[in-house]
Structure formats: structure tokens, C-alpha cells
């Protein structure tokens, strides 16, 4: 029997890629899958490229503001989204609905529940998001990407799905030489994720310039974001051993090739770090909802897999000091110990998380 699934996924990579990975797997297994994304969401381009079906709904996030006009606008869009998702459910007739956080999860899950369709939510973070927390009171299944201290009904720890490309072998020499870098140097991967990289980018440039001037055995790959690439190229002028990329779809190759990652601590990034067992210096996005990136980072810090550095006016100095200490420790002992400490986490394998989620959806 051809099972049918609706998946609400989009917004940040941490919300989109888990749903994308599960949907792609269900599609390969012969199920009918339809994605529901917010109108104008960049996720639509990824779904088109992967030849996965989707529909767009005009919706917005809950306003974190006291402005009454924004709340009126939100309620109006919510009612419209509930009508539209209800129509999608009536026409598509899904066996189950999955939401992976982001704007569209709430209206789709509510509409499905009102029509007697089985529902599941996946939250990748240790701190459960507002929409998912509300949904937790009435969904049939709540799937966790990371352990949480919050009390959630019908919860199952399944891990956060990541792309299958992370499991493919990587030729470190080829990856680094293609960027004009030395495969024998310690390599640090720098990236800000899908949100808020400006402050981190600026602080990293200053720290990197000091480190390259003091140590000929270190090199950097800095993923800047398209918006900041030219500015960073100008600032890195005459700085040796630095490759600047606007974007890297092949982040899996770079993650495996580097010795240390310096990045934000969104849930998708954490799942990738966990799978690659990559030592990390995590700088949580301070504006993330409910400060969830800080709690994600603290999980790896407590296990000894990563260092945690909060974003302050002294961020550049903090980055320089921590990277200098990690890179110059005798016999790479700090980086080696961080890598070994991933075994303490005892988390589900991110590479098989898609299969676990797909099986649980079919059971619903």
C-alpha cells in the first residue's frame, strides 16, 4: 500500500535538513511525500533540485515584540495558514504528518490533528522550541534530536538526520589541494551557519591574521556567506594560508578534512560534528530563540568534545586565545582528547536517524 506523508520543514538548516533527509528516504522507498514550506523559503530551491514535491504557504513566525499590529498580522496569517493547510490535507490525504520545527510546523500539525490524521514532531535542539512545545501536548509522537531536561509526552530520542554524503569517504589531500592549501598543515574550518554570521566573521578575521603570522603550520577555510565574502577577501588581503568561500554545499568534505571546526551551535551543525567526531569551538548565536544554541553547545562542552565561547565585545581575543591553545598543545593532545570524548555522549547515530524516523512514521 502506498503510504502518504506530509512534511513541514524549512527556515534554518537545523529545521529543514532533518525533514529533507527523512522525506528523501521515504520517497526512495516508494512512499508519496509532499513538503509544506513557507512562501519564499530558500528550502524550495533545494526541494526543486532534488525533484521532491512541495507546496508553499504564506505564514510568518510568532512576533517576539510588543507591537500589537505585528500580533494582529500574525493571527491573520495563522488563520489563513490553517485554512490552506486544511485544504492541503483534504486533497493529499496523508497517513501521517511530520513537522521538524520552523514556521510551518504549528499550523500543519494543528490542521492534521483537527482532521484525525496521525502527527509527529521532531525537535533537534536540547531546548524545545515554542511551536514544538505547544504541539507536544497533542501530537501522537515527539521525536528528539538531542536529550532534553524538559518533560515531553510520548518522547523518543532518535537523533537528528544528516545528509548521506557525510558517510562517503573523503580524500583530505584532494580537498585541500583543490583550494590551494597544504594537506600537511593543521586545518581549521570557520563558518557561521545559516544565521547571524556577521559578528563572528569580523572577530574571526582578526584572530586568524594573528595566528597565521605566528604559526606557519596552520591554515584556515573560512565560509563567509555571499553577503560578506568580498569584505572578508579585502580584510584577508596578503594573509597567507586562508581560503575564503561564500558557501560550501560540500560541507561534508570540509568537515572531514579539517582538524578543528569553529562555528555556531545550531542542531544541524551539532549532528554533523557528532557524526564526524570533530573537535569544535562553538560560539552560540546570541539571538537564537530561547538561547537554544547555548544549551546545544553546553551539551558538547560538558562531554569535553568542544569549547564554548559566548559572543561578547571581546570575542576576537577569546577566539585567538582558545584556538592558539588548542593548536599549539603538545602532540595535539587537546584535539585528540576532544575527538575521543564523543564516545561519552552515547547519542543515536545521525546517519541512521532518518531510517528511525521513517520507521516510526510508518508505524503511526
Protein backbone atom coordinates (compact mmCIF):
# COMPACT_ATOMS: atom_id res chain seq x y z
CA UNK A 1 0.00 0.00 0.00
CA UNK A 2 1.39 3.40 -0.98
CA UNK A 3 1.78 5.38 2.23
CA UNK A 4 1.47 9.16 2.05
CA UNK A 5 3.30 11.68 4.23
CA UNK A 6 3.19 15.44 4.63
CA UNK A 7 6.36 17.07 5.99
CA UNK A 8 6.61 20.66 7.25
CA UNK A 9 10.26 21.67 7.03
CA UNK A 10 12.12 24.88 6.29
CA UNK A 11 13.60 28.00 7.78
CA UNK A 12 17.07 27.33 9.14
CA UNK A 13 19.16 24.34 8.08
CA UNK A 14 18.59 22.75 11.50
CA UNK A 15 14.85 22.65 10.81
CA UNK A 16 14.99 21.88 7.11
CA UNK A 17 17.62 19.16 6.61
CA UNK A 18 16.16 16.63 9.10
CA UNK A 19 12.82 16.76 7.29
CA UNK A 20 14.55 16.78 3.91
CA UNK A 21 16.58 13.67 4.80
CA UNK A 22 13.51 11.78 6.04
CA UNK A 23 11.40 12.83 3.04
CA UNK A 24 14.09 11.83 0.57
CA UNK A 25 14.35 8.39 2.21
CA UNK A 26 10.57 7.84 2.22
CA UNK A 27 10.43 8.90 -1.42
CA UNK A 28 13.14 6.37 -2.35
CA UNK A 29 11.13 3.67 -0.55
CA UNK A 30 8.14 4.35 -2.80
CA UNK A 31 6.05 6.48 -0.44
CA UNK A 32 4.25 9.62 -1.61
CA UNK A 33 5.82 12.65 0.08
CA UNK A 34 4.71 16.27 -0.07
CA UNK A 35 6.64 19.05 1.67
CA UNK A 36 4.96 22.14 3.09
CA UNK A 37 7.23 25.19 3.25
CA UNK A 38 6.77 28.87 3.96
CA UNK A 39 6.31 31.10 0.92
CA UNK A 40 9.71 32.43 -0.16
CA UNK A 41 11.66 29.88 1.88
CA UNK A 42 15.10 29.07 0.35
CA UNK A 43 14.30 25.41 1.06
CA UNK A 44 12.09 25.43 -2.05
CA UNK A 45 15.17 25.61 -4.27
CA UNK A 46 16.72 22.56 -2.60
CA UNK A 47 13.49 20.60 -2.95
CA UNK A 48 13.21 21.53 -6.64
CA UNK A 49 16.77 20.38 -7.28
CA UNK A 50 16.07 17.08 -5.51
CA UNK A 51 12.83 16.68 -7.54
CA UNK A 52 10.71 16.47 -4.38
CA UNK A 53 7.16 17.83 -4.45
CA UNK A 54 6.24 20.79 -2.25
CA UNK A 55 3.61 23.46 -1.69
CA UNK A 56 4.14 26.94 -0.27
CA UNK A 57 2.03 28.57 2.44
CA UNK A 58 2.10 32.28 3.30
CA UNK A 59 2.94 32.36 7.02
CA UNK A 60 5.29 34.08 9.48
CA UNK A 61 6.87 33.40 12.85
CA UNK A 62 5.36 34.38 16.19
CA UNK A 63 6.28 38.03 16.82
CA UNK A 64 8.71 38.49 19.70
CA UNK A 65 7.58 42.08 20.05
CA UNK A 66 5.01 44.12 22.00
CA UNK A 67 3.83 45.85 18.82
CA UNK A 68 0.08 44.98 18.63
CA UNK A 69 0.00 45.37 14.85
CA UNK A 70 2.52 42.54 14.47
CA UNK A 71 0.36 40.28 16.63
CA UNK A 72 -2.75 41.11 14.60
CA UNK A 73 -0.83 40.34 11.40
CA UNK A 74 0.37 37.05 12.88
CA UNK A 75 -3.17 35.96 13.87
CA UNK A 76 -4.49 36.84 10.41
CA UNK A 77 -1.75 34.82 8.72
CA UNK A 78 -2.26 31.95 11.17
CA UNK A 79 -5.96 31.68 10.31
CA UNK A 80 -5.13 31.80 6.60
CA UNK A 81 -2.41 29.15 7.05
CA UNK A 82 -4.81 26.87 8.95
CA UNK A 83 -7.32 27.12 6.10
CA UNK A 84 -4.67 26.44 3.48
CA UNK A 85 -3.04 23.52 5.32
CA UNK A 86 -6.50 22.07 5.96
CA UNK A 87 -7.16 22.14 2.22
CA UNK A 88 -3.77 20.52 1.52
CA UNK A 89 -4.57 17.69 3.95
CA UNK A 90 -8.03 17.16 2.45
CA UNK A 91 -6.59 16.89 -1.06
CA UNK A 92 -3.41 14.92 -0.32
CA UNK A 93 -4.98 12.56 2.29
CA UNK A 94 -1.75 11.79 4.24
CA UNK A 95 -1.35 8.76 6.51
CA UNK A 96 0.80 10.86 8.85
CA UNK A 97 2.19 14.37 9.17
CA UNK A 98 5.69 15.30 10.37
CA UNK A 99 6.84 18.74 11.50
CA UNK A 100 10.53 19.48 12.04
CA UNK A 101 10.21 22.92 13.64
CA UNK A 102 10.17 26.22 11.82
CA UNK A 103 7.17 28.38 10.94
CA UNK A 104 5.04 25.78 9.17
CA UNK A 105 5.06 23.05 11.81
CA UNK A 106 2.37 24.56 14.03
CA UNK A 107 -0.44 25.22 11.50
CA UNK A 108 0.15 21.92 9.69
CA UNK A 109 0.17 19.85 12.89
CA UNK A 110 -2.94 21.61 14.23
CA UNK A 111 -4.80 21.12 10.94
CA UNK A 112 -3.85 17.44 10.85
CA UNK A 113 -4.91 16.88 14.44
CA UNK A 114 -8.30 18.51 13.82
CA UNK A 115 -8.86 16.11 10.91
CA UNK A 116 -7.82 12.96 12.78
CA UNK A 117 -4.52 12.46 10.95
CA UNK A 118 -1.61 10.97 12.92
CA UNK A 119 1.03 13.55 13.82
CA UNK A 120 4.70 13.62 14.81
CA UNK A 121 7.13 16.42 15.60
CA UNK A 122 10.93 16.33 15.52
CA UNK A 123 12.93 18.86 17.53
CA UNK A 124 16.70 18.84 17.04
CA UNK A 125 17.63 21.07 20.00
CA UNK A 126 18.12 20.43 23.70
CA UNK A 127 15.83 23.41 24.37
CA UNK A 128 12.45 22.70 22.77
CA UNK A 129 11.12 25.47 20.52
CA UNK A 130 7.88 27.31 21.34
CA UNK A 131 5.79 25.89 18.47
CA UNK A 132 7.01 22.36 19.11
CA UNK A 133 6.44 22.72 22.87
CA UNK A 134 2.80 23.63 22.24
CA UNK A 135 2.46 20.77 19.76
CA UNK A 136 3.92 18.32 22.31
CA UNK A 137 0.63 18.38 24.25
CA UNK A 138 -1.37 16.80 21.45
CA UNK A 139 0.94 15.07 18.90
CA UNK A 140 0.99 11.28 18.69
CA UNK A 141 4.80 11.13 18.77
CA UNK A 142 7.54 13.58 19.77
CA UNK A 143 10.98 12.83 18.34
CA UNK A 144 14.11 14.26 19.97
CA UNK A 145 17.37 15.00 18.20
CA UNK A 146 19.24 15.64 21.47
CA UNK A 147 18.47 14.79 25.12
CA UNK A 148 16.39 17.42 26.90
CA UNK A 149 15.67 18.17 30.55
CA UNK A 150 12.14 19.25 29.64
CA UNK A 151 9.24 16.89 30.31
CA UNK A 152 7.78 15.86 26.94
CA UNK A 153 4.98 13.33 26.49
CA UNK A 154 5.41 10.41 24.07
CA UNK A 155 9.07 11.35 23.51
CA UNK A 156 11.63 9.19 21.69
CA UNK A 157 15.32 10.04 21.30
CA UNK A 158 16.10 9.31 17.64
CA UNK A 159 18.92 11.73 16.76
CA UNK A 160 19.00 14.41 14.07
CA UNK A 161 19.15 13.16 10.47
CA UNK A 162 22.07 14.38 8.35
CA UNK A 163 22.80 14.04 4.64
CA UNK A 164 24.08 10.66 3.43
CA UNK A 165 27.09 12.40 1.84
CA UNK A 166 28.70 12.65 5.30
CA UNK A 167 29.20 8.87 5.22
CA UNK A 168 31.17 8.91 1.97
CA UNK A 169 34.99 8.60 2.13
CA UNK A 170 36.95 11.85 1.79
CA UNK A 171 40.38 12.35 0.22
CA UNK A 172 41.82 15.03 2.52
CA UNK A 173 44.74 15.75 0.22
CA UNK A 174 42.49 16.29 -2.81
CA UNK A 175 40.04 18.51 -0.91
CA UNK A 176 42.74 20.80 0.49
CA UNK A 177 44.93 20.95 -2.62
CA UNK A 178 41.91 22.00 -4.72
CA UNK A 179 41.70 25.10 -2.51
CA UNK A 180 45.41 25.79 -2.74
CA UNK A 181 46.05 24.58 0.82
CA UNK A 182 48.69 22.24 2.27
CA UNK A 183 47.37 18.79 3.31
CA UNK A 184 50.12 18.57 5.95
CA UNK A 185 49.09 21.72 7.82
CA UNK A 186 46.60 21.82 10.68
CA UNK A 187 43.36 22.97 9.08
CA UNK A 188 40.64 24.96 10.83
CA UNK A 189 37.17 25.27 9.29
CA UNK A 190 35.33 28.50 10.13
CA UNK A 191 31.64 29.05 9.41
CA UNK A 192 28.67 30.92 10.83
CA UNK A 193 25.78 28.69 9.78
CA UNK A 194 22.55 29.88 8.18
CA UNK A 195 22.01 32.78 10.62
CA UNK A 196 23.85 35.71 12.11
CA UNK A 197 27.46 35.32 10.92
CA UNK A 198 28.47 38.99 10.75
CA UNK A 199 29.90 39.45 14.26
CA UNK A 200 31.55 36.03 14.18
CA UNK A 201 33.07 36.71 10.74
CA UNK A 202 34.57 40.01 11.87
CA UNK A 203 36.06 38.56 15.05
CA UNK A 204 37.45 35.53 13.21
CA UNK A 205 39.37 37.63 10.69
CA UNK A 206 41.33 39.40 13.42
CA UNK A 207 42.10 36.15 15.26
CA UNK A 208 43.12 34.34 12.06
CA UNK A 209 45.52 37.09 10.99
CA UNK A 210 47.32 36.86 14.33
CA UNK A 211 47.52 33.07 14.21
CA UNK A 212 48.83 32.85 10.64
CA UNK A 213 51.51 35.43 11.48
CA UNK A 214 52.70 33.39 14.47
CA UNK A 215 52.35 29.82 13.19
CA UNK A 216 53.33 28.60 9.71
CA UNK A 217 51.75 25.20 10.34
CA UNK A 218 48.12 26.37 10.49
CA UNK A 219 45.70 27.23 7.70
CA UNK A 220 42.05 28.22 7.51
CA UNK A 221 38.94 27.66 5.40
CA UNK A 222 36.50 30.49 6.08
CA UNK A 223 32.92 30.11 4.79
CA UNK A 224 31.76 33.71 4.89
CA UNK A 225 28.30 33.78 3.35
CA UNK A 226 27.76 35.51 0.00
CA UNK A 227 26.94 38.83 1.63
CA UNK A 228 30.29 39.12 3.43
CA UNK A 229 32.67 37.38 1.02
CA UNK A 230 34.14 40.45 -0.69
CA UNK A 231 34.57 42.27 2.61
CA UNK A 232 36.46 39.31 4.06
CA UNK A 233 38.61 38.95 0.94
CA UNK A 234 39.61 42.60 1.35
CA UNK A 235 40.47 42.13 5.01
CA UNK A 236 42.41 38.93 4.33
CA UNK A 237 44.49 40.61 1.60
CA UNK A 238 48.14 39.47 1.91
CA UNK A 239 47.19 36.95 4.65
CA UNK A 240 48.70 33.55 3.76
CA UNK A 241 47.04 30.14 4.04
CA UNK A 242 43.42 31.30 4.12
CA UNK A 243 40.75 30.12 1.65
CA UNK A 244 37.52 32.16 1.64
CA UNK A 245 34.32 30.55 0.32
CA UNK A 246 30.93 32.24 0.03
CA UNK A 247 29.13 28.93 0.53
CA UNK A 248 30.01 25.24 0.60
CA UNK A 249 27.36 22.72 -0.36
CA UNK A 250 30.08 20.08 0.12
CA UNK A 251 30.43 20.96 3.81
CA UNK A 252 30.78 17.21 4.47
CA UNK A 253 34.14 17.13 2.64
CA UNK A 254 35.42 20.15 4.56
CA UNK A 255 34.20 18.84 7.91
CA UNK A 256 36.08 15.57 7.45
CA UNK A 257 39.21 17.31 6.11
CA UNK A 258 39.61 19.82 8.95
CA UNK A 259 41.27 19.29 12.34
CA UNK A 260 39.08 21.78 14.20
CA UNK A 261 35.72 23.47 13.47
CA UNK A 262 34.89 26.96 14.74
CA UNK A 263 31.19 27.59 14.26
CA UNK A 264 27.74 28.31 15.65
CA UNK A 265 25.90 25.57 17.54
CA UNK A 266 22.68 25.01 15.64
CA UNK A 267 21.30 21.50 15.95
CA UNK A 268 22.14 20.51 12.37
CA UNK A 269 25.76 21.54 12.84
CA UNK A 270 25.94 19.62 16.13
CA UNK A 271 24.65 16.45 14.45
CA UNK A 272 27.34 16.79 11.78
CA UNK A 273 30.05 17.36 14.40
CA UNK A 274 28.84 14.34 16.36
CA UNK A 275 28.92 12.09 13.29
CA UNK A 276 32.39 13.29 12.23
CA UNK A 277 33.62 13.33 15.86
CA UNK A 278 35.15 16.70 15.13
CA UNK A 279 36.76 18.87 17.85
CA UNK A 280 34.97 22.21 17.92
CA UNK A 281 35.00 25.72 19.27
CA UNK A 282 31.34 26.73 19.49
CA UNK A 283 30.08 30.32 19.51
CA UNK A 284 26.28 30.21 20.06
CA UNK A 285 24.15 32.70 18.16
CA UNK A 286 23.05 35.07 20.96
CA UNK A 287 19.77 35.96 19.24
CA UNK A 288 18.66 32.33 18.76
CA UNK A 289 15.16 31.71 20.16
CA UNK A 290 15.23 30.88 23.88
CA UNK A 291 19.05 30.88 23.60
CA UNK A 292 18.81 27.29 22.37
CA UNK A 293 22.23 27.33 20.68
CA UNK A 294 23.89 27.94 24.05
CA UNK A 295 22.26 24.83 25.53
CA UNK A 296 23.24 22.78 22.47
CA UNK A 297 26.86 23.90 22.84
CA UNK A 298 26.87 23.18 26.55
CA UNK A 299 26.00 19.55 25.85
CA UNK A 300 29.23 19.08 23.85
CA UNK A 301 31.23 21.23 26.27
CA UNK A 302 30.13 19.13 29.26
CA UNK A 303 31.21 15.95 27.46
CA UNK A 304 34.59 17.52 26.65
CA UNK A 305 34.05 17.43 22.87
CA UNK A 306 34.04 21.20 22.36
CA UNK A 307 34.91 24.55 23.88
CA UNK A 308 32.12 27.09 24.37
CA UNK A 309 32.71 30.80 23.84
CA UNK A 310 29.87 33.28 24.17
CA UNK A 311 29.68 36.27 21.83
CA UNK A 312 30.87 39.39 23.67
CA UNK A 313 32.77 42.55 22.67
CA UNK A 314 35.94 40.55 23.50
CA UNK A 315 35.07 37.78 21.02
CA UNK A 316 38.15 38.29 18.83
CA UNK A 317 40.55 37.95 21.77
CA UNK A 318 38.68 34.91 23.07
CA UNK A 319 38.80 33.19 19.69
CA UNK A 320 42.51 33.87 19.31
CA UNK A 321 43.39 32.58 22.79
CA UNK A 322 41.33 29.40 22.54
CA UNK A 323 42.45 28.49 19.01
CA UNK A 324 46.07 29.22 19.92
CA UNK A 325 45.83 26.95 22.96
CA UNK A 326 44.17 24.10 21.04
CA UNK A 327 46.51 24.24 18.04
CA UNK A 328 49.75 24.54 19.99
CA UNK A 329 49.10 21.93 22.68
CA UNK A 330 51.86 19.31 22.81
CA UNK A 331 51.22 16.36 20.48
CA UNK A 332 47.75 17.67 19.59
CA UNK A 333 46.59 16.36 22.99
CA UNK A 334 43.60 18.73 23.33
CA UNK A 335 42.20 17.96 19.87
CA UNK A 336 42.79 14.21 20.30
CA UNK A 337 41.04 14.18 23.67
CA UNK A 338 38.06 16.12 22.29
CA UNK A 339 37.70 13.59 19.49
CA UNK A 340 37.83 10.67 21.94
CA UNK A 341 35.25 12.27 24.24
CA UNK A 342 32.49 11.96 21.64
CA UNK A 343 32.18 8.33 22.77
CA UNK A 344 30.86 9.63 26.12
CA UNK A 345 27.82 11.24 24.53
CA UNK A 346 26.02 7.96 23.80
CA UNK A 347 23.77 9.62 21.22
CA UNK A 348 21.89 7.89 18.37
CA UNK A 349 23.88 7.74 15.13
CA UNK A 350 22.82 10.76 12.99
CA UNK A 351 23.42 8.73 9.83
CA UNK A 352 20.67 6.23 10.71
CA UNK A 353 18.31 8.78 12.29
CA UNK A 354 16.36 9.19 9.02
CA UNK A 355 15.64 5.48 8.96
CA UNK A 356 14.46 5.51 12.59
CA UNK A 357 12.15 8.47 11.98
CA UNK A 358 10.77 6.91 8.76
CA UNK A 359 10.01 3.62 10.50
CA UNK A 360 8.23 5.37 13.38
CA UNK A 361 6.14 7.41 10.92
CA UNK A 362 5.11 4.21 9.11
CA UNK A 363 4.11 2.64 12.45
CA UNK A 364 1.83 5.63 13.12
